[in-house]
Amino acid sequence: MSLIENKFKTKAELETNLASAIVAQLNKDIKQSGKAVIAVSGGSTPKALFEELSNTDLDWSKVIVTLIDERWVDNA
């Protein structure tokens, strides 16, 4: 697998492009299996992305959304 580097002039441009890519993948998954799954982080960082996603043409009733947490917590 090769990596593709994308450069954006603004954060808004990044969020719009990322939302489009996410929606394309979710629609592909829905078409193939009747449902799709997305795991997202909480907090304020992805807020603008979530707003972009909420304005897309996607059948959210067929999307399972789950939360992830990337923070490290010691077992102490």
N, C-alpha and C. Protein backbone atom coordinates (compact mmCIF):
# COMPACT_ATOMS: atom_id res chain seq x y z
N MET A 1 0.84 -1.17 0.00
CA MET A 1 0.00 0.00 0.00
C MET A 1 0.88 1.23 0.00
N SER A 2 0.54 2.20 -0.83
CA SER A 2 1.31 3.44 -0.86
C SER A 2 0.53 4.56 -0.20
N LEU A 3 1.25 5.50 0.32
CA LEU A 3 0.62 6.64 0.98
C LEU A 3 0.46 7.79 0.00
N ILE A 4 -0.59 8.54 0.16
CA ILE A 4 -0.83 9.71 -0.66
C ILE A 4 -0.85 10.93 0.25
N GLU A 5 -0.05 11.91 -0.07
CA GLU A 5 -0.02 13.13 0.72
C GLU A 5 -0.94 14.16 0.08
N ASN A 6 -1.83 14.69 0.88
CA ASN A 6 -2.74 15.73 0.43
C ASN A 6 -2.40 17.01 1.18
N LYS A 7 -2.35 18.12 0.47
CA LYS A 7 -2.07 19.40 1.09
C LYS A 7 -3.27 20.32 0.86
N PHE A 8 -3.65 21.03 1.90
CA PHE A 8 -4.79 21.93 1.83
C PHE A 8 -4.36 23.31 2.30
N LYS A 9 -4.95 24.33 1.70
CA LYS A 9 -4.60 25.70 2.06
C LYS A 9 -5.25 26.13 3.37
N THR A 10 -6.42 25.55 3.68
CA THR A 10 -7.12 25.94 4.89
C THR A 10 -7.67 24.70 5.60
N LYS A 11 -7.97 24.87 6.87
CA LYS A 11 -8.59 23.80 7.65
C LYS A 11 -9.96 23.47 7.08
N ALA A 12 -10.70 24.49 6.64
CA ALA A 12 -12.03 24.28 6.06
C ALA A 12 -11.94 23.44 4.79
N GLU A 13 -10.93 23.67 3.97
CA GLU A 13 -10.74 22.87 2.75
C GLU A 13 -10.45 21.42 3.11
N LEU A 14 -9.63 21.21 4.12
CA LEU A 14 -9.35 19.85 4.60
C LEU A 14 -10.64 19.17 5.05
N GLU A 15 -11.43 19.86 5.86
CA GLU A 15 -12.65 19.27 6.41
C GLU A 15 -13.65 18.92 5.30
N THR A 16 -13.78 19.79 4.31
CA THR A 16 -14.70 19.53 3.19
C THR A 16 -14.25 18.31 2.40
N ASN A 17 -12.96 18.24 2.10
CA ASN A 17 -12.44 17.11 1.33
C ASN A 17 -12.51 15.81 2.13
N LEU A 18 -12.21 15.88 3.41
CA LEU A 18 -12.28 14.69 4.26
C LEU A 18 -13.71 14.20 4.38
N ALA A 19 -14.65 15.12 4.56
CA ALA A 19 -16.06 14.74 4.64
C ALA A 19 -16.51 14.05 3.35
N SER A 20 -16.10 14.57 2.22
CA SER A 20 -16.46 13.96 0.94
C SER A 20 -15.90 12.55 0.82
N ALA A 21 -14.66 12.36 1.24
CA ALA A 21 -14.04 11.04 1.17
C ALA A 21 -14.73 10.06 2.12
N ILE A 22 -15.07 10.52 3.30
CA ILE A 22 -15.75 9.66 4.28
C ILE A 22 -17.12 9.25 3.75
N VAL A 23 -17.87 10.21 3.22
CA VAL A 23 -19.20 9.92 2.69
C VAL A 23 -19.12 8.95 1.51
N ALA A 24 -18.14 9.13 0.66
CA ALA A 24 -17.96 8.21 -0.48
C ALA A 24 -17.73 6.78 0.01
N GLN A 25 -16.87 6.63 1.02
CA GLN A 25 -16.60 5.29 1.55
C GLN A 25 -17.82 4.71 2.24
N LEU A 26 -18.52 5.52 3.04
CA LEU A 26 -19.72 5.03 3.72
C LEU A 26 -20.78 4.62 2.71
N ASN A 27 -20.99 5.42 1.67
CA ASN A 27 -21.96 5.06 0.63
C ASN A 27 -21.56 3.77 -0.08
N LYS A 28 -20.28 3.60 -0.32
CA LYS A 28 -19.78 2.36 -0.95
C LYS A 28 -20.09 1.16 -0.05
N ASP A 29 -19.83 1.30 1.23
CA ASP A 29 -20.09 0.21 2.18
C ASP A 29 -21.58 -0.10 2.27
N ILE A 30 -22.41 0.95 2.28
CA ILE A 30 -23.87 0.75 2.32
C ILE A 30 -24.33 0.01 1.07
N LYS A 31 -23.81 0.40 -0.07
CA LYS A 31 -24.19 -0.25 -1.33
C LYS A 31 -23.78 -1.73 -1.32
N GLN A 32 -22.60 -2.03 -0.78
CA GLN A 32 -22.09 -3.40 -0.78
C GLN A 32 -22.74 -4.27 0.29
N SER A 33 -22.96 -3.74 1.50
CA SER A 33 -23.47 -4.58 2.58
C SER A 33 -24.74 -4.10 3.26
N GLY A 34 -25.28 -3.00 2.79
CA GLY A 34 -26.52 -2.52 3.38
C GLY A 34 -26.32 -1.69 4.64
N LYS A 35 -25.08 -1.57 5.07
CA LYS A 35 -24.77 -0.76 6.25
C LYS A 35 -23.31 -0.33 6.20
N ALA A 36 -22.97 0.60 7.06
CA ALA A 36 -21.59 1.07 7.16
C ALA A 36 -21.30 1.37 8.63
N VAL A 37 -20.02 1.37 8.96
CA VAL A 37 -19.60 1.65 10.33
C VAL A 37 -18.50 2.71 10.28
N ILE A 38 -18.59 3.66 11.20
CA ILE A 38 -17.54 4.67 11.32
C ILE A 38 -17.23 4.85 12.81
N ALA A 39 -15.95 4.91 13.13
CA ALA A 39 -15.49 5.14 14.50
C ALA A 39 -14.88 6.54 14.54
N VAL A 40 -15.36 7.35 15.47
CA VAL A 40 -14.92 8.74 15.53
C VAL A 40 -14.45 9.12 16.92
N SER A 41 -13.58 10.12 16.97
CA SER A 41 -13.13 10.68 18.24
C SER A 41 -14.11 11.74 18.69
N GLY A 42 -14.15 11.97 19.97
CA GLY A 42 -14.98 13.03 20.51
C GLY A 42 -14.18 14.30 20.67
N GLY A 43 -14.66 15.17 21.51
CA GLY A 43 -13.96 16.42 21.76
C GLY A 43 -14.29 17.46 20.72
N SER A 44 -13.57 18.57 20.79
CA SER A 44 -13.88 19.69 19.90
C SER A 44 -13.12 19.63 18.57
N THR A 45 -12.06 18.84 18.49
CA THR A 45 -11.25 18.81 17.27
C THR A 45 -12.06 18.43 16.03
N PRO A 46 -12.87 17.36 16.06
CA PRO A 46 -13.60 16.98 14.85
C PRO A 46 -14.94 17.69 14.66
N LYS A 47 -15.25 18.69 15.48
CA LYS A 47 -16.56 19.34 15.44
C LYS A 47 -16.90 19.86 14.04
N ALA A 48 -16.00 20.58 13.40
CA ALA A 48 -16.27 21.13 12.07
C ALA A 48 -16.45 20.02 11.04
N LEU A 49 -15.68 18.95 11.18
CA LEU A 49 -15.86 17.80 10.28
C LEU A 49 -17.25 17.20 10.46
N PHE A 50 -17.70 17.05 11.69
CA PHE A 50 -19.03 16.50 11.94
C PHE A 50 -20.11 17.40 11.35
N GLU A 51 -19.91 18.71 11.41
CA GLU A 51 -20.86 19.63 10.79
C GLU A 51 -20.89 19.44 9.28
N GLU A 52 -19.73 19.26 8.68
CA GLU A 52 -19.67 18.98 7.24
C GLU A 52 -20.42 17.69 6.92
N LEU A 53 -20.17 16.65 7.70
CA LEU A 53 -20.82 15.37 7.46
C LEU A 53 -22.33 15.47 7.62
N SER A 54 -22.79 16.27 8.56
CA SER A 54 -24.23 16.38 8.80
C SER A 54 -24.96 17.04 7.63
N ASN A 55 -24.24 17.74 6.78
CA ASN A 55 -24.85 18.41 5.63
C ASN A 55 -24.73 17.62 4.34
N THR A 56 -24.34 16.36 4.44
CA THR A 56 -24.17 15.53 3.25
C THR A 56 -25.41 14.69 2.99
N ASP A 57 -25.50 14.19 1.77
CA ASP A 57 -26.61 13.33 1.38
C ASP A 57 -26.21 11.88 1.68
N LEU A 58 -26.50 11.44 2.88
CA LEU A 58 -26.13 10.10 3.32
C LEU A 58 -27.28 9.54 4.15
N ASP A 59 -27.60 8.29 3.95
CA ASP A 59 -28.65 7.64 4.74
C ASP A 59 -28.06 7.20 6.07
N TRP A 60 -28.09 8.11 7.05
CA TRP A 60 -27.48 7.87 8.35
C TRP A 60 -28.16 6.73 9.10
N SER A 61 -29.38 6.35 8.71
CA SER A 61 -30.05 5.23 9.38
C SER A 61 -29.33 3.92 9.09
N LYS A 62 -28.48 3.90 8.09
CA LYS A 62 -27.72 2.70 7.73
C LYS A 62 -26.27 2.76 8.19
N VAL A 63 -25.94 3.78 8.99
CA VAL A 63 -24.57 3.97 9.46
C VAL A 63 -24.51 3.77 10.97
N ILE A 64 -23.62 2.89 11.39
CA ILE A 64 -23.36 2.69 12.81
C ILE A 64 -22.19 3.59 13.18
N VAL A 65 -22.40 4.46 14.17
CA VAL A 65 -21.35 5.37 14.62
C VAL A 65 -20.92 4.92 16.02
N THR A 66 -19.63 4.72 16.19
CA THR A 66 -19.10 4.36 17.51
C THR A 66 -17.98 5.32 17.87
N LEU A 67 -17.72 5.45 19.15
CA LEU A 67 -16.70 6.38 19.62
C LEU A 67 -15.40 5.66 19.94
N ILE A 68 -14.31 6.36 19.73
CA ILE A 68 -12.98 5.86 20.12
C ILE A 68 -12.33 6.91 21.01
N ASP A 69 -11.34 6.49 21.73
CA ASP A 69 -10.58 7.40 22.60
C ASP A 69 -9.12 7.04 22.46
N GLU A 70 -8.33 7.93 21.91
CA GLU A 70 -6.93 7.64 21.65
C GLU A 70 -6.02 8.03 22.80
N ARG A 71 -6.57 8.52 23.90
CA ARG A 71 -5.73 8.93 25.02
C ARG A 71 -5.12 7.71 25.74
N TRP A 72 -3.95 7.92 26.29
CA TRP A 72 -3.26 6.87 27.05
C TRP A 72 -3.60 7.04 28.53
N VAL A 73 -4.02 5.95 29.17
CA VAL A 73 -4.32 5.98 30.58
C VAL A 73 -3.49 4.90 31.26
N ASP A 74 -2.64 5.29 32.23
CA ASP A 74 -1.83 4.31 32.96
C ASP A 74 -2.71 3.38 33.77
N ASN A 75 -2.24 2.15 33.96
CA ASN A 75 -2.96 1.16 34.76
C ASN A 75 -2.66 1.30 36.25
N ALA A 76 -1.92 2.31 36.63
CA ALA A 76 -1.51 2.48 38.03
C ALA A 76 -2.67 2.80 38.94
